[in-house]
PDB file of all heavy atoms in Angstrom:
ATOM      1  N   ALA A   1     -15.239   7.421  45.633  1.00  0.00           N
ATOM      2  CA  ALA A   1     -14.495   8.212  46.600  1.00  0.00           C
ATOM      3  C   ALA A   1     -13.604   9.258  45.913  1.00  0.00           C
ATOM      4  O   ALA A   1     -13.335  10.330  46.481  1.00  0.00           O
ATOM      5  CB  ALA A   1     -13.655   7.329  47.486  1.00  0.00           C
ATOM      6  N   ALA A   2     -13.146   8.969  44.690  1.00  0.00           N
ATOM      7  CA  ALA A   2     -12.252   9.903  44.001  1.00  0.00           C
ATOM      8  C   ALA A   2     -13.010  11.076  43.433  1.00  0.00           C
ATOM      9  O   ALA A   2     -12.405  12.139  43.143  1.00  0.00           O
ATOM     10  CB  ALA A   2     -11.512   9.173  42.886  1.00  0.00           C
ATOM     11  N   GLY A   3     -14.300  10.980  43.229  1.00  0.00           N
ATOM     12  CA  GLY A   3     -15.069  12.071  42.652  1.00  0.00           C
ATOM     13  C   GLY A   3     -15.036  12.039  41.138  1.00  0.00           C
ATOM     14  O   GLY A   3     -14.474  11.112  40.530  1.00  0.00           O
ATOM     15  N   ASP A   4     -15.636  13.028  40.529  1.00  0.00           N
ATOM     16  CA  ASP A   4     -15.710  13.107  39.076  1.00  0.00           C
ATOM     17  C   ASP A   4     -14.340  13.349  38.447  1.00  0.00           C
ATOM     18  O   ASP A   4     -13.521  14.111  39.002  1.00  0.00           O
ATOM     19  CB  ASP A   4     -16.682  14.198  38.626  1.00  0.00           C
ATOM     20  CG  ASP A   4     -18.112  13.896  39.026  1.00  0.00           C
ATOM     21  OD1 ASP A   4     -18.436  12.706  39.154  1.00  0.00           O
ATOM     22  OD2 ASP A   4     -18.893  14.840  39.232  1.00  0.00           O
ATOM     23  N   ALA A   5     -14.092  12.743  37.304  1.00  0.00           N
ATOM     24  CA  ALA A   5     -12.861  12.998  36.547  1.00  0.00           C
ATOM     25  C   ALA A   5     -13.071  14.188  35.640  1.00  0.00           C
ATOM     26  O   ALA A   5     -14.079  14.319  34.955  1.00  0.00           O
ATOM     27  CB  ALA A   5     -12.526  11.754  35.716  1.00  0.00           C
ATOM     28  N   THR A   6     -12.059  15.082  35.637  1.00  0.00           N
ATOM     29  CA  THR A   6     -12.111  16.281  34.818  1.00  0.00           C
ATOM     30  C   THR A   6     -10.902  16.310  33.879  1.00  0.00           C
ATOM     31  O   THR A   6      -9.767  16.269  34.324  1.00  0.00           O
ATOM     32  CB  THR A   6     -12.093  17.542  35.699  1.00  0.00           C
ATOM     33  OG1 THR A   6     -13.175  17.525  36.614  1.00  0.00           O
ATOM     34  CG2 THR A   6     -12.178  18.782  34.831  1.00  0.00           C
ATOM     35  N   ASP A   7     -11.182  16.311  32.567  1.00  0.00           N
ATOM     36  CA  ASP A   7     -10.118  16.370  31.577  1.00  0.00           C
ATOM     37  C   ASP A   7      -9.789  17.839  31.282  1.00  0.00           C
ATOM     38  O   ASP A   7     -10.685  18.635  31.028  1.00  0.00           O
ATOM     39  CB  ASP A   7     -10.571  15.666  30.283  1.00  0.00           C
ATOM     40  CG  ASP A   7     -10.799  14.180  30.503  1.00  0.00           C
ATOM     41  OD1 ASP A   7     -10.183  13.616  31.413  1.00  0.00           O
ATOM     42  OD2 ASP A   7     -11.612  13.597  29.737  1.00  0.00           O
ATOM     43  N   SER A   8      -8.513  18.146  31.295  1.00  0.00           N
ATOM     44  CA  SER A   8      -8.089  19.547  31.105  1.00  0.00           C
ATOM     45  C   SER A   8      -6.879  19.588  30.179  1.00  0.00           C
ATOM     46  O   SER A   8      -6.111  18.623  30.076  1.00  0.00           O
ATOM     47  CB  SER A   8      -7.727  20.220  32.431  1.00  0.00           C
ATOM     48  OG  SER A   8      -8.812  20.214  33.312  1.00  0.00           O
ATOM     49  N   THR A   9      -6.706  20.703  29.548  1.00  0.00           N
ATOM     50  CA  THR A   9      -5.486  20.990  28.814  1.00  0.00           C
ATOM     51  C   THR A   9      -4.352  21.206  29.790  1.00  0.00           C
ATOM     52  O   THR A   9      -4.530  21.912  30.793  1.00  0.00           O
ATOM     53  CB  THR A   9      -5.648  22.246  27.931  1.00  0.00           C
ATOM     54  OG1 THR A   9      -6.684  22.020  26.977  1.00  0.00           O
ATOM     55  CG2 THR A   9      -4.351  22.590  27.221  1.00  0.00           C
ATOM     56  N   PRO A  10      -3.209  20.558  29.588  1.00  0.00           N
ATOM     57  CA  PRO A  10      -2.090  20.764  30.514  1.00  0.00           C
ATOM     58  C   PRO A  10      -1.775  22.247  30.690  1.00  0.00           C
ATOM     59  O   PRO A  10      -1.720  23.026  29.728  1.00  0.00           O
ATOM     60  CB  PRO A  10      -0.923  20.031  29.822  1.00  0.00           C
ATOM     61  CG  PRO A  10      -1.588  18.956  29.037  1.00  0.00           C
ATOM     62  CD  PRO A  10      -2.886  19.569  28.564  1.00  0.00           C
ATOM     63  N   GLY A  11      -1.649  22.648  31.948  1.00  0.00           N
ATOM     64  CA  GLY A  11      -1.353  24.047  32.251  1.00  0.00           C
ATOM     65  C   GLY A  11      -2.579  24.888  32.517  1.00  0.00           C
ATOM     66  O   GLY A  11      -2.442  26.074  32.849  1.00  0.00           O
ATOM     67  N   SER A  12      -3.782  24.309  32.394  1.00  0.00           N
ATOM     68  CA  SER A  12      -5.003  25.080  32.654  1.00  0.00           C
ATOM     69  C   SER A  12      -5.845  24.342  33.707  1.00  0.00           C
ATOM     70  O   SER A  12      -5.728  23.144  33.897  1.00  0.00           O
ATOM     71  CB  SER A  12      -5.829  25.251  31.388  1.00  0.00           C
ATOM     72  OG  SER A  12      -6.260  24.005  30.891  1.00  0.00           O
ATOM     73  N   ASN A  13      -6.697  25.128  34.381  1.00  0.00           N
ATOM     74  CA  ASN A  13      -7.611  24.556  35.401  1.00  0.00           C
ATOM     75  C   ASN A  13      -6.890  23.794  36.486  1.00  0.00           C
ATOM     76  O   ASN A  13      -7.425  22.829  37.024  1.00  0.00           O
ATOM     77  CB  ASN A  13      -8.671  23.660  34.728  1.00  0.00           C
ATOM     78  CG  ASN A  13      -9.498  24.379  33.692  1.00  0.00           C
ATOM     79  OD1 ASN A  13      -9.850  25.556  33.873  1.00  0.00           O
ATOM     80  ND2 ASN A  13      -9.836  23.723  32.603  1.00  0.00           N
ATOM     81  N   GLY A  14      -5.696  24.224  36.819  1.00  0.00           N
ATOM     82  CA  GLY A  14      -4.945  23.578  37.887  1.00  0.00           C
ATOM     83  C   GLY A  14      -4.167  22.336  37.467  1.00  0.00           C
ATOM     84  O   GLY A  14      -3.480  21.736  38.285  1.00  0.00           O
ATOM     85  N   ALA A  15      -4.289  21.930  36.210  1.00  0.00           N
ATOM     86  CA  ALA A  15      -3.539  20.756  35.727  1.00  0.00           C
ATOM     87  C   ALA A  15      -2.074  21.101  35.537  1.00  0.00           C
ATOM     88  O   ALA A  15      -1.706  22.249  35.278  1.00  0.00           O
ATOM     89  CB  ALA A  15      -4.126  20.257  34.410  1.00  0.00           C
ATOM     90  N   GLY A  16      -1.224  20.106  35.665  1.00  0.00           N
ATOM     91  CA  GLY A  16       0.196  20.325  35.495  1.00  0.00           C
ATOM     92  C   GLY A  16       0.575  20.526  34.031  1.00  0.00           C
ATOM     93  O   GLY A  16      -0.263  20.452  33.132  1.00  0.00           O
ATOM     94  N   THR A  17       1.838  20.733  33.800  1.00  0.00           N
ATOM     95  CA  THR A  17       2.339  20.872  32.446  1.00  0.00           C
ATOM     96  C   THR A  17       3.165  19.660  32.064  1.00  0.00           C
ATOM     97  O   THR A  17       3.595  18.904  32.938  1.00  0.00           O
ATOM     98  CB  THR A  17       3.199  22.150  32.303  1.00  0.00           C
ATOM     99  OG1 THR A  17       4.282  22.112  33.242  1.00  0.00           O
ATOM    100  CG2 THR A  17       2.363  23.402  32.552  1.00  0.00           C
ATOM    101  N   LEU A  18       3.386  19.470  30.771  1.00  0.00           N
ATOM    102  CA  LEU A  18       4.149  18.317  30.270  1.00  0.00           C
ATOM    103  C   LEU A  18       5.577  18.755  29.987  1.00  0.00           C
ATOM    104  O   LEU A  18       5.844  19.858  29.453  1.00  0.00           O
ATOM    105  CB  LEU A  18       3.506  17.749  29.023  1.00  0.00           C
ATOM    106  CG  LEU A  18       2.053  17.269  29.131  1.00  0.00           C
ATOM    107  CD1 LEU A  18       1.592  16.662  27.803  1.00  0.00           C
ATOM    108  CD2 LEU A  18       1.920  16.245  30.248  1.00  0.00           C
ATOM    109  N   GLN A  19       6.516  17.882  30.314  1.00  0.00           N
ATOM    110  CA  GLN A  19       7.918  18.115  30.066  1.00  0.00           C
ATOM    111  C   GLN A  19       8.439  17.005  29.175  1.00  0.00           C
ATOM    112  O   GLN A  19       8.618  15.864  29.590  1.00  0.00           O
ATOM    113  CB  GLN A  19       8.705  18.151  31.385  1.00  0.00           C
ATOM    114  CG  GLN A  19       8.214  19.175  32.385  1.00  0.00           C
ATOM    115  CD  GLN A  19       8.409  20.599  31.908  1.00  0.00           C
ATOM    116  OE1 GLN A  19       9.430  20.924  31.259  1.00  0.00           O
ATOM    117  NE2 GLN A  19       7.453  21.476  32.188  1.00  0.00           N
ATOM    118  N   GLN A  20       8.667  17.329  27.906  1.00  0.00           N
ATOM    119  CA  GLN A  20       9.163  16.336  26.967  1.00  0.00           C
ATOM    120  C   GLN A  20      10.611  15.977  27.265  1.00  0.00           C
ATOM    121  O   GLN A  20      11.424  16.870  27.588  1.00  0.00           O
ATOM    122  CB  GLN A  20       9.037  16.841  25.512  1.00  0.00           C
ATOM    123  CG  GLN A  20       9.389  15.807  24.459  1.00  0.00           C
ATOM    124  CD  GLN A  20       9.214  16.333  23.049  1.00  0.00           C
ATOM    125  OE1 GLN A  20       9.115  17.534  22.825  1.00  0.00           O
ATOM    126  NE2 GLN A  20       9.172  15.419  22.086  1.00  0.00           N
ATOM    127  N   GLY A  21      10.932  14.715  27.156  1.00  0.00           N
ATOM    128  CA  GLY A  21      12.288  14.286  27.411  1.00  0.00           C
ATOM    129  C   GLY A  21      12.579  14.022  28.878  1.00  0.00           C
ATOM    130  O   GLY A  21      13.767  13.879  29.289  1.00  0.00           O
ATOM    131  N   TYR A  22      11.537  13.938  29.693  1.00  0.00           N
ATOM    132  CA  TYR A  22      11.688  13.710  31.129  1.00  0.00           C
ATOM    133  C   TYR A  22      10.750  12.604  31.589  1.00  0.00           C
ATOM    134  O   TYR A  22       9.685  12.401  30.984  1.00  0.00           O
ATOM    135  CB  TYR A  22      11.395  14.970  31.949  1.00  0.00           C
ATOM    136  CG  TYR A  22      12.445  16.056  31.823  1.00  0.00           C
ATOM    137  CD1 TYR A  22      12.440  16.930  30.755  1.00  0.00           C
ATOM    138  CD2 TYR A  22      13.420  16.185  32.805  1.00  0.00           C
ATOM    139  CE1 TYR A  22      13.397  17.919  30.646  1.00  0.00           C
ATOM    140  CE2 TYR A  22      14.389  17.196  32.720  1.00  0.00           C
ATOM    141  CZ  TYR A  22      14.373  18.046  31.631  1.00  0.00           C
ATOM    142  OH  TYR A  22      15.313  19.034  31.529  1.00  0.00           O
ATOM    143  N   LEU A  23      11.116  11.899  32.634  1.00  0.00           N
ATOM    144  CA  LEU A  23      10.262  10.920  33.289  1.00  0.00           C
ATOM    145  C   LEU A  23      10.195  11.238  34.775  1.00  0.00           C
ATOM    146  O   LEU A  23      11.216  11.576  35.387  1.00  0.00           O
ATOM    147  CB  LEU A  23      10.763   9.505  33.096  1.00  0.00           C
ATOM    148  CG  LEU A  23      10.514   8.835  31.731  1.00  0.00           C
ATOM    149  CD1 LEU A  23      11.150   7.452  31.735  1.00  0.00           C
ATOM    150  CD2 LEU A  23       9.021   8.764  31.419  1.00  0.00           C
ATOM    151  N   GLU A  24       9.004  11.094  35.333  1.00  0.00           N
ATOM    152  CA  GLU A  24       8.856  11.296  36.782  1.00  0.00           C
ATOM    153  C   GLU A  24       9.349  10.049  37.535  1.00  0.00           C
ATOM    154  O   GLU A  24       8.941   8.943  37.215  1.00  0.00           O
ATOM    155  CB  GLU A  24       7.403  11.578  37.151  1.00  0.00           C
ATOM    156  CG  GLU A  24       7.179  11.853  38.621  1.00  0.00           C
ATOM    157  CD  GLU A  24       5.711  12.111  38.961  1.00  0.00           C
ATOM    158  OE1 GLU A  24       4.879  11.976  38.054  1.00  0.00           O
ATOM    159  OE2 GLU A  24       5.455  12.428  40.117  1.00  0.00           O
ATOM    160  N   THR A  25      10.223  10.247  38.487  1.00  0.00           N
ATOM    161  CA  THR A  25      10.725   9.128  39.269  1.00  0.00           C
ATOM    162  C   THR A  25       9.804   8.827  40.455  1.00  0.00           C
ATOM    163  O   THR A  25       8.857   9.573  40.740  1.00  0.00           O
ATOM    164  CB  THR A  25      12.152   9.421  39.786  1.00  0.00           C
ATOM    165  OG1 THR A  25      12.083  10.568  40.646  1.00  0.00           O
ATOM    166  CG2 THR A  25      13.095   9.739  38.647  1.00  0.00           C
ATOM    167  N   SER A  26      10.066   7.747  41.126  1.00  0.00           N
ATOM    168  CA  SER A  26       9.303   7.356  42.323  1.00  0.00           C
ATOM    169  C   SER A  26       9.463   8.463  43.385  1.00  0.00           C
ATOM    170  O   SER A  26      10.525   9.029  43.536  1.00  0.00           O
ATOM    171  CB  SER A  26       9.788   6.014  42.855  1.00  0.00           C
ATOM    172  OG  SER A  26       9.213   5.734  44.105  1.00  0.00           O
ATOM    173  N   ASN A  27       8.388   8.700  44.126  1.00  0.00           N
ATOM    174  CA  ASN A  27       8.457   9.703  45.199  1.00  0.00           C
ATOM    175  C   ASN A  27       8.792   9.097  46.543  1.00  0.00           C
ATOM    176  O   ASN A  27       8.706   9.753  47.592  1.00  0.00           O
ATOM    177  CB  ASN A  27       7.149  10.474  45.298  1.00  0.00           C
ATOM    178  CG  ASN A  27       5.984   9.656  45.837  1.00  0.00           C
ATOM    179  OD1 ASN A  27       6.067   8.446  45.928  1.00  0.00           O
ATOM    180  ND2 ASN A  27       4.904  10.295  46.187  1.00  0.00           N
ATOM    181  N   VAL A  28       9.235   7.834  46.554  1.00  0.00           N
ATOM    182  CA  VAL A  28       9.587   7.152  47.801  1.00  0.00           C
ATOM    183  C   VAL A  28      10.962   7.650  48.280  1.00  0.00           C
ATOM    184  O   VAL A  28      11.925   7.648  47.505  1.00  0.00           O
ATOM    185  CB  VAL A  28       9.639   5.621  47.597  1.00  0.00           C
ATOM    186  CG1 VAL A  28      10.205   4.916  48.829  1.00  0.00           C
ATOM    187  CG2 VAL A  28       8.249   5.092  47.312  1.00  0.00           C
ATOM    188  N   ASP A  29      11.044   8.060  49.524  1.00  0.00           N
ATOM    189  CA  ASP A  29      12.308   8.456  50.140  1.00  0.00           C
ATOM    190  C   ASP A  29      12.798   7.256  50.956  1.00  0.00           C
ATOM    191  O   ASP A  29      12.234   6.945  52.014  1.00  0.00           O
ATOM    192  CB  ASP A  29      12.094   9.659  51.042  1.00  0.00           C
ATOM    193  CG  ASP A  29      13.376  10.121  51.720  1.00  0.00           C
ATOM    194  OD1 ASP A  29      14.452   9.521  51.442  1.00  0.00           O
ATOM    195  OD2 ASP A  29      13.330  11.096  52.495  1.00  0.00           O
ATOM    196  N   PRO A  30      13.826   6.523  50.491  1.00  0.00           N
ATOM    197  CA  PRO A  30      14.282   5.323  51.209  1.00  0.00           C
ATOM    198  C   PRO A  30      14.657   5.576  52.636  1.00  0.00           C
ATOM    199  O   PRO A  30      14.423   4.726  53.497  1.00  0.00           O
ATOM    200  CB  PRO A  30      15.464   4.855  50.359  1.00  0.00           C
ATOM    201  CG  PRO A  30      15.237   5.430  48.999  1.00  0.00           C
ATOM    202  CD  PRO A  30      14.568   6.750  49.234  1.00  0.00           C
ATOM    203  N   VAL A  31      15.238   6.735  52.929  1.00  0.00           N
ATOM    204  CA  VAL A  31      15.675   7.024  54.299  1.00  0.00           C
ATOM    205  C   VAL A  31      14.455   7.129  55.228  1.00  0.00           C
ATOM    206  O   VAL A  31      14.434   6.535  56.313  1.00  0.00           O
ATOM    207  CB  VAL A  31      16.467   8.342  54.367  1.00  0.00           C
ATOM    208  CG1 VAL A  31      16.798   8.686  55.804  1.00  0.00           C
ATOM    209  CG2 VAL A  31      17.777   8.198  53.561  1.00  0.00           C
ATOM    210  N   THR A  32      13.436   7.855  54.778  1.00  0.00           N
ATOM    211  CA  THR A  32      12.189   7.983  55.568  1.00  0.00           C
ATOM    212  C   THR A  32      11.529   6.620  55.785  1.00  0.00           C
ATOM    213  O   THR A  32      11.075   6.318  56.879  1.00  0.00           O
ATOM    214  CB  THR A  32      11.212   8.953  54.881  1.00  0.00           C
ATOM    215  OG1 THR A  32      11.830  10.228  54.737  1.00  0.00           O
ATOM    216  CG2 THR A  32       9.936   9.115  55.696  1.00  0.00           C
ATOM    217  N   GLU A  33      11.513   5.824  54.733  1.00  0.00           N
ATOM    218  CA  GLU A  33      10.874   4.499  54.821  1.00  0.00           C
ATOM    219  C   GLU A  33      11.630   3.606  55.790  1.00  0.00           C
ATOM    220  O   GLU A  33      11.026   2.863  56.562  1.00  0.00           O
ATOM    221  CB  GLU A  33      10.802   3.851  53.436  1.00  0.00           C
ATOM    222  CG  GLU A  33       9.916   4.570  52.440  1.00  0.00           C
ATOM    223  CD  GLU A  33       8.445   4.574  52.860  1.00  0.00           C
ATOM    224  OE1 GLU A  33       7.979   3.625  53.508  1.00  0.00           O
ATOM    225  OE2 GLU A  33       7.748   5.566  52.544  1.00  0.00           O
ATOM    226  N   LEU A  34      12.966   3.671  55.768  1.00  0.00           N
ATOM    227  CA  LEU A  34      13.758   2.829  56.670  1.00  0.00           C
ATOM    228  C   LEU A  34      13.586   3.269  58.133  1.00  0.00           C
ATOM    229  O   LEU A  34      13.487   2.424  59.039  1.00  0.00           O
ATOM    230  CB  LEU A  34      15.248   2.901  56.279  1.00  0.00           C
ATOM    231  CG  LEU A  34      15.642   2.160  55.002  1.00  0.00           C
ATOM    232  CD1 LEU A  34      17.085   2.434  54.631  1.00  0.00           C
ATOM    233  CD2 LEU A  34      15.442   0.658  55.216  1.00  0.00           C
ATOM    234  N   VAL A  35      13.481   4.582  58.360  1.00  0.00           N
ATOM    235  CA  VAL A  35      13.231   5.037  59.724  1.00  0.00           C
ATOM    236  C   VAL A  35      11.869   4.583  60.206  1.00  0.00           C
ATOM    237  O   VAL A  35      11.715   4.123  61.352  1.00  0.00           O
ATOM    238  CB  VAL A  35      13.342   6.597  59.779  1.00  0.00           C
ATOM    239  CG1 VAL A  35      12.851   7.098  61.130  1.00  0.00           C
ATOM    240  CG2 VAL A  35      14.776   7.052  59.551  1.00  0.00           C
ATOM    241  N   THR A  36      10.866   4.689  59.312  1.00  0.00           N
ATOM    242  CA  THR A  36       9.526   4.236  59.683  1.00  0.00           C
ATOM    243  C   THR A  36       9.525   2.715  59.948  1.00  0.00           C
ATOM    244  O   THR A  36       8.842   2.241  60.841  1.00  0.00           O
ATOM    245  CB  THR A  36       8.529   4.568  58.582  1.00  0.00           C
ATOM    246  OG1 THR A  36       8.571   5.969  58.304  1.00  0.00           O
ATOM    247  CG2 THR A  36       7.128   4.194  58.965  1.00  0.00           C
ATOM    248  N   LEU A  37      10.298   1.985  59.142  1.00  0.00           N
ATOM    249  CA  LEU A  37      10.390   0.532  59.312  1.00  0.00           C
ATOM    250  C   LEU A  37      10.988   0.176  60.678  1.00  0.00           C
ATOM    251  O   LEU A  37      10.514  -0.733  61.379  1.00  0.00           O
ATOM    252  CB  LEU A  37      11.223  -0.070  58.204  1.00  0.00           C
ATOM    253  CG  LEU A  37      11.411  -1.588  58.229  1.00  0.00           C
ATOM    254  CD1 LEU A  37      10.080  -2.321  58.154  1.00  0.00           C
ATOM    255  CD2 LEU A  37      12.317  -2.037  57.091  1.00  0.00           C
ATOM    256  N   ILE A  38      12.014   0.912  61.087  1.00  0.00           N
ATOM    257  CA  ILE A  38      12.632   0.666  62.386  1.00  0.00           C
ATOM    258  C   ILE A  38      11.660   0.933  63.517  1.00  0.00           C
ATOM    259  O   ILE A  38      11.536   0.179  64.462  1.00  0.00           O
ATOM    260  CB  ILE A  38      13.923   1.503  62.536  1.00  0.00           C
ATOM    261  CG1 ILE A  38      15.006   1.033  61.567  1.00  0.00           C
ATOM    262  CG2 ILE A  38      14.440   1.448  63.975  1.00  0.00           C
ATOM    263  CD1 ILE A  38      16.215   1.925  61.496  1.00  0.00           C
ATOM    264  N   LYS A  39      10.947   2.066  63.435  1.00  0.00           N
ATOM    265  CA  LYS A  39       9.969   2.392  64.439  1.00  0.00           C
ATOM    266  C   LYS A  39       8.857   1.340  64.517  1.00  0.00           C
ATOM    267  O   LYS A  39       8.391   0.953  65.605  1.00  0.00           O
ATOM    268  CB  LYS A  39       9.356   3.771  64.134  1.00  0.00           C
ATOM    269  CG  LYS A  39      10.322   4.923  64.336  1.00  0.00           C
ATOM    270  CD  LYS A  39       9.758   6.204  63.739  1.00  0.00           C
ATOM    271  CE  LYS A  39       8.445   6.601  64.367  1.00  0.00           C
ATOM    272  NZ  LYS A  39       7.928   7.853  63.796  1.00  0.00           N
ATOM    273  N   THR A  40       8.460   0.859  63.341  1.00  0.00           N
ATOM    274  CA  THR A  40       7.413  -0.178  63.304  1.00  0.00           C
ATOM    275  C   THR A  40       7.888  -1.485  63.948  1.00  0.00           C
ATOM    276  O   THR A  40       7.146  -2.163  64.669  1.00  0.00           O
ATOM    277  CB  THR A  40       6.961  -0.425  61.847  1.00  0.00           C
ATOM    278  OG1 THR A  40       6.555   0.799  61.270  1.00  0.00           O
ATOM    279  CG2 THR A  40       5.802  -1.416  61.784  1.00  0.00           C
TER     280      THR A  40
END
């Protein structure tokens, strides 16, 4: 379902770039999740 995997140089062919000295945090928004939990 995911389709073929394509390896690319960062910054080319639509791939993102690398940021040294950084970590990506979770994309969960606790407020949105709590509102959804209440509705559920």
